Amino acid sequence: MMNTPKPAINVQDGFFYQLRRDNLLVEITLVSEKKQMGRIRRFDKYAVVLEVDGREELIYKHAIASVAIAPGAASPVAGGPSTPQGPYRPSYPGPSRP
């Protein structure tokens, strides 16, 4: 059996996957400073599909300045249970800390 090296963890993919899986409302700020709020439906190496007001928009990643959970979207389900640790923060695979 041949040992093949594991590919490096892509933080961006993990973050987008978690946001999509939890169906969280996100705010995407473009390099033009325009802000779009919606839910991530799909993403790949080059683009993100964001559902905004019932329609899907394709946003190229090179046009994105930042992605954040929208203010007030602290719970993955509206009206869902709160956690004793404070606001909900999605976990995603990132670099391990010593």
N, C-alpha and C. Protein backbone atom coordinates (compact mmCIF):
# COMPACT_ATOMS: atom_id res chain seq x y z
N MET A 1 0.85 -1.17 0.00
CA MET A 1 0.00 0.00 0.00
C MET A 1 0.90 1.24 0.00
N MET A 2 0.56 2.18 -0.84
CA MET A 2 1.36 3.38 -0.99
C MET A 2 0.80 4.51 -0.13
N ASN A 3 1.66 5.16 0.61
CA ASN A 3 1.21 6.29 1.44
C ASN A 3 1.16 7.55 0.59
N THR A 4 -0.05 8.02 0.35
CA THR A 4 -0.19 9.27 -0.40
C THR A 4 -0.40 10.40 0.59
N PRO A 5 0.28 11.51 0.38
CA PRO A 5 0.13 12.63 1.33
C PRO A 5 -1.27 13.22 1.25
N LYS A 6 -1.78 13.64 2.41
CA LYS A 6 -3.09 14.28 2.45
C LYS A 6 -2.98 15.69 1.88
N PRO A 7 -3.99 16.12 1.14
CA PRO A 7 -3.95 17.50 0.66
C PRO A 7 -4.09 18.46 1.83
N ALA A 8 -3.52 19.63 1.70
CA ALA A 8 -3.61 20.65 2.75
C ALA A 8 -5.06 21.07 2.94
N ILE A 9 -5.43 21.37 4.17
CA ILE A 9 -6.79 21.83 4.45
C ILE A 9 -6.96 23.23 3.87
N ASN A 10 -8.02 23.38 3.11
CA ASN A 10 -8.33 24.68 2.52
C ASN A 10 -9.30 25.39 3.46
N VAL A 11 -8.83 26.38 4.17
CA VAL A 11 -9.64 27.10 5.16
C VAL A 11 -10.87 27.72 4.49
N GLN A 12 -10.69 28.27 3.32
CA GLN A 12 -11.78 28.93 2.61
C GLN A 12 -12.91 27.94 2.34
N ASP A 13 -12.59 26.76 1.82
CA ASP A 13 -13.62 25.77 1.53
C ASP A 13 -14.34 25.32 2.79
N GLY A 14 -13.58 25.11 3.87
CA GLY A 14 -14.19 24.70 5.13
C GLY A 14 -15.15 25.75 5.66
N PHE A 15 -14.76 27.01 5.56
CA PHE A 15 -15.60 28.11 6.03
C PHE A 15 -16.88 28.20 5.20
N PHE A 16 -16.76 28.18 3.87
CA PHE A 16 -17.95 28.24 3.01
C PHE A 16 -18.85 27.03 3.21
N TYR A 17 -18.25 25.86 3.37
CA TYR A 17 -19.03 24.64 3.58
C TYR A 17 -19.88 24.77 4.84
N GLN A 18 -19.29 25.24 5.93
CA GLN A 18 -20.00 25.38 7.19
C GLN A 18 -21.14 26.40 7.08
N LEU A 19 -20.87 27.52 6.43
CA LEU A 19 -21.91 28.53 6.25
C LEU A 19 -23.07 27.98 5.42
N ARG A 20 -22.74 27.23 4.37
CA ARG A 20 -23.78 26.64 3.53
C ARG A 20 -24.55 25.57 4.28
N ARG A 21 -23.85 24.70 4.98
CA ARG A 21 -24.49 23.60 5.71
C ARG A 21 -25.43 24.13 6.78
N ASP A 22 -25.01 25.17 7.50
CA ASP A 22 -25.84 25.74 8.57
C ASP A 22 -26.88 26.72 8.05
N ASN A 23 -26.88 26.96 6.74
CA ASN A 23 -27.86 27.84 6.09
C ASN A 23 -27.90 29.22 6.74
N LEU A 24 -26.71 29.73 7.08
CA LEU A 24 -26.61 31.03 7.75
C LEU A 24 -26.70 32.18 6.76
N LEU A 25 -27.29 33.26 7.22
CA LEU A 25 -27.33 34.49 6.44
C LEU A 25 -25.94 35.11 6.51
N VAL A 26 -25.36 35.41 5.35
CA VAL A 26 -24.02 35.99 5.31
C VAL A 26 -24.04 37.34 4.61
N GLU A 27 -23.04 38.14 4.95
CA GLU A 27 -22.86 39.44 4.30
C GLU A 27 -21.53 39.37 3.55
N ILE A 28 -21.62 39.51 2.24
CA ILE A 28 -20.42 39.51 1.40
C ILE A 28 -20.14 40.94 0.98
N THR A 29 -18.94 41.41 1.29
CA THR A 29 -18.52 42.74 0.88
C THR A 29 -17.62 42.58 -0.33
N LEU A 30 -17.97 43.27 -1.39
CA LEU A 30 -17.19 43.19 -2.62
C LEU A 30 -16.07 44.23 -2.60
N VAL A 31 -15.10 44.07 -3.48
CA VAL A 31 -14.00 45.03 -3.53
C VAL A 31 -14.49 46.42 -3.92
N SER A 32 -15.64 46.50 -4.56
CA SER A 32 -16.24 47.79 -4.91
C SER A 32 -16.94 48.43 -3.71
N GLU A 33 -16.90 47.75 -2.54
CA GLU A 33 -17.51 48.15 -1.29
C GLU A 33 -19.03 47.94 -1.25
N LYS A 34 -19.59 47.35 -2.30
CA LYS A 34 -21.00 46.99 -2.30
C LYS A 34 -21.17 45.77 -1.40
N LYS A 35 -22.28 45.73 -0.65
CA LYS A 35 -22.54 44.61 0.26
C LYS A 35 -23.74 43.83 -0.25
N GLN A 36 -23.62 42.52 -0.21
CA GLN A 36 -24.70 41.62 -0.59
C GLN A 36 -24.99 40.73 0.60
N MET A 37 -26.26 40.57 0.94
CA MET A 37 -26.65 39.70 2.04
C MET A 37 -27.50 38.58 1.48
N GLY A 38 -27.17 37.35 1.87
CA GLY A 38 -27.93 36.21 1.40
C GLY A 38 -27.40 34.92 2.00
N ARG A 39 -27.79 33.81 1.39
CA ARG A 39 -27.36 32.49 1.86
C ARG A 39 -26.55 31.80 0.77
N ILE A 40 -25.45 31.20 1.17
CA ILE A 40 -24.58 30.51 0.20
C ILE A 40 -25.26 29.22 -0.23
N ARG A 41 -25.43 29.05 -1.53
CA ARG A 41 -26.05 27.85 -2.08
C ARG A 41 -25.00 26.90 -2.65
N ARG A 42 -24.02 27.43 -3.36
CA ARG A 42 -22.95 26.62 -3.95
C ARG A 42 -21.69 27.46 -4.01
N PHE A 43 -20.56 26.77 -4.12
CA PHE A 43 -19.30 27.47 -4.32
C PHE A 43 -18.31 26.51 -4.95
N ASP A 44 -17.34 27.08 -5.63
CA ASP A 44 -16.26 26.27 -6.18
C ASP A 44 -14.97 27.08 -6.08
N LYS A 45 -14.00 26.69 -6.84
CA LYS A 45 -12.69 27.33 -6.80
C LYS A 45 -12.74 28.81 -7.19
N TYR A 46 -13.69 29.17 -8.04
CA TYR A 46 -13.71 30.52 -8.62
C TYR A 46 -14.88 31.40 -8.22
N ALA A 47 -15.98 30.82 -7.76
CA ALA A 47 -17.19 31.62 -7.56
C ALA A 47 -18.03 31.09 -6.40
N VAL A 48 -18.96 31.95 -5.96
CA VAL A 48 -19.93 31.62 -4.91
C VAL A 48 -21.30 31.95 -5.47
N VAL A 49 -22.27 31.05 -5.26
CA VAL A 49 -23.65 31.34 -5.64
C VAL A 49 -24.37 31.72 -4.36
N LEU A 50 -24.88 32.95 -4.34
CA LEU A 50 -25.55 33.51 -3.17
C LEU A 50 -27.02 33.68 -3.49
N GLU A 51 -27.91 33.16 -2.63
CA GLU A 51 -29.34 33.37 -2.82
C GLU A 51 -29.71 34.69 -2.14
N VAL A 52 -30.19 35.63 -2.94
CA VAL A 52 -30.57 36.96 -2.47
C VAL A 52 -32.01 37.21 -2.88
N ASP A 53 -32.88 37.40 -1.89
CA ASP A 53 -34.30 37.69 -2.16
C ASP A 53 -34.93 36.68 -3.11
N GLY A 54 -34.65 35.40 -2.92
CA GLY A 54 -35.26 34.35 -3.73
C GLY A 54 -34.63 34.10 -5.08
N ARG A 55 -33.60 34.84 -5.43
CA ARG A 55 -32.92 34.60 -6.71
C ARG A 55 -31.45 34.32 -6.44
N GLU A 56 -30.81 33.61 -7.33
CA GLU A 56 -29.41 33.26 -7.15
C GLU A 56 -28.51 34.21 -7.91
N GLU A 57 -27.43 34.63 -7.26
CA GLU A 57 -26.43 35.50 -7.89
C GLU A 57 -25.09 34.80 -7.86
N LEU A 58 -24.39 34.84 -8.98
CA LEU A 58 -23.04 34.29 -9.07
C LEU A 58 -22.06 35.42 -8.79
N ILE A 59 -21.22 35.22 -7.77
CA ILE A 59 -20.23 36.23 -7.40
C ILE A 59 -18.86 35.60 -7.55
N TYR A 60 -18.02 36.20 -8.37
CA TYR A 60 -16.67 35.69 -8.55
C TYR A 60 -15.84 35.98 -7.31
N LYS A 61 -15.07 35.01 -6.86
CA LYS A 61 -14.29 35.17 -5.63
C LYS A 61 -13.27 36.30 -5.73
N HIS A 62 -12.75 36.56 -6.92
CA HIS A 62 -11.76 37.64 -7.02
C HIS A 62 -12.39 39.01 -6.77
N ALA A 63 -13.74 39.08 -6.78
CA ALA A 63 -14.44 40.34 -6.51
C ALA A 63 -14.83 40.48 -5.04
N ILE A 64 -14.57 39.45 -4.22
CA ILE A 64 -14.97 39.46 -2.82
C ILE A 64 -13.85 40.00 -1.94
N ALA A 65 -14.19 40.99 -1.10
CA ALA A 65 -13.23 41.53 -0.14
C ALA A 65 -13.34 40.79 1.19
N SER A 66 -14.59 40.50 1.64
CA SER A 66 -14.76 39.77 2.90
C SER A 66 -16.11 39.06 2.93
N VAL A 67 -16.18 38.04 3.79
CA VAL A 67 -17.42 37.29 4.02
C VAL A 67 -17.59 37.19 5.53
N ALA A 68 -18.79 37.52 6.02
CA ALA A 68 -19.06 37.46 7.45
C ALA A 68 -20.48 36.99 7.68
N ILE A 69 -20.70 36.39 8.84
CA ILE A 69 -22.07 36.06 9.23
C ILE A 69 -22.80 37.37 9.42
N ALA A 70 -24.00 37.47 8.86
CA ALA A 70 -24.76 38.72 8.92
C ALA A 70 -25.12 39.06 10.37
N PRO A 71 -25.13 40.36 10.70
CA PRO A 71 -25.54 40.76 12.05
C PRO A 71 -26.94 40.22 12.35
N GLY A 72 -27.09 39.65 13.53
CA GLY A 72 -28.39 39.09 13.92
C GLY A 72 -28.61 37.67 13.46
N ALA A 73 -27.67 37.08 12.75
CA ALA A 73 -27.80 35.70 12.27
C ALA A 73 -26.94 34.78 13.12
N ALA A 74 -27.00 34.95 14.44
CA ALA A 74 -26.12 34.23 15.35
C ALA A 74 -26.49 32.76 15.49
N SER A 75 -27.74 32.39 15.22
CA SER A 75 -28.16 31.01 15.37
C SER A 75 -28.35 30.39 13.99
N PRO A 76 -27.97 29.10 13.81
CA PRO A 76 -28.13 28.48 12.50
C PRO A 76 -29.58 28.35 12.09
N VAL A 77 -30.51 28.35 13.04
CA VAL A 77 -31.93 28.27 12.75
C VAL A 77 -32.60 29.43 13.47
N ALA A 78 -33.37 30.21 12.74
CA ALA A 78 -34.03 31.36 13.36
C ALA A 78 -34.87 30.89 14.54
N GLY A 79 -34.66 31.53 15.68
CA GLY A 79 -35.39 31.16 16.88
C GLY A 79 -34.86 29.89 17.52
N GLY A 80 -33.74 29.40 17.04
CA GLY A 80 -33.16 28.17 17.57
C GLY A 80 -32.60 28.39 18.96
N PRO A 81 -32.18 27.30 19.59
CA PRO A 81 -31.67 27.41 20.95
C PRO A 81 -30.37 28.18 21.01
N SER A 82 -30.21 28.94 22.09
CA SER A 82 -28.94 29.63 22.27
C SER A 82 -28.02 28.71 23.06
N THR A 83 -26.74 28.95 22.97
CA THR A 83 -25.78 28.12 23.67
C THR A 83 -25.29 28.83 24.91
N PRO A 84 -24.93 28.08 25.96
CA PRO A 84 -24.44 28.74 27.16
C PRO A 84 -23.09 29.42 26.93
N GLN A 85 -22.38 29.05 25.88
CA GLN A 85 -21.07 29.65 25.59
C GLN A 85 -21.20 31.01 24.94
N GLY A 86 -22.38 31.44 24.60
CA GLY A 86 -22.56 32.73 23.95
C GLY A 86 -23.09 32.56 22.54
N PRO A 87 -22.86 33.54 21.67
CA PRO A 87 -23.41 33.46 20.33
C PRO A 87 -22.85 32.28 19.55
N TYR A 88 -23.67 31.77 18.66
CA TYR A 88 -23.26 30.65 17.81
C TYR A 88 -22.15 31.08 16.87
N ARG A 89 -21.10 30.31 16.84
CA ARG A 89 -20.00 30.55 15.92
C ARG A 89 -19.73 29.24 15.20
N PRO A 90 -19.87 29.22 13.87
CA PRO A 90 -19.65 27.96 13.18
C PRO A 90 -18.20 27.51 13.32
N SER A 91 -18.02 26.22 13.44
CA SER A 91 -16.65 25.70 13.49
C SER A 91 -16.30 25.21 12.10
N TYR A 92 -15.09 25.38 11.73
CA TYR A 92 -14.62 24.88 10.45
C TYR A 92 -13.19 24.43 10.62
N PRO A 93 -12.78 23.49 9.79
CA PRO A 93 -11.41 22.98 9.96
C PRO A 93 -10.40 24.06 9.66
N GLY A 94 -9.60 24.36 10.61
CA GLY A 94 -8.56 25.37 10.44
C GLY A 94 -7.27 24.86 11.02
N PRO A 95 -6.26 25.68 11.03
CA PRO A 95 -4.99 25.22 11.59
C PRO A 95 -5.13 24.92 13.07
N SER A 96 -4.52 23.86 13.50
CA SER A 96 -4.59 23.51 14.92
C SER A 96 -3.65 24.40 15.71
N ARG A 97 -4.05 24.68 16.93
CA ARG A 97 -3.24 25.54 17.80
C ARG A 97 -2.52 24.66 18.81
N PRO A 98 -1.28 25.01 19.12
CA PRO A 98 -0.54 24.18 20.09
C PRO A 98 -1.10 24.30 21.49
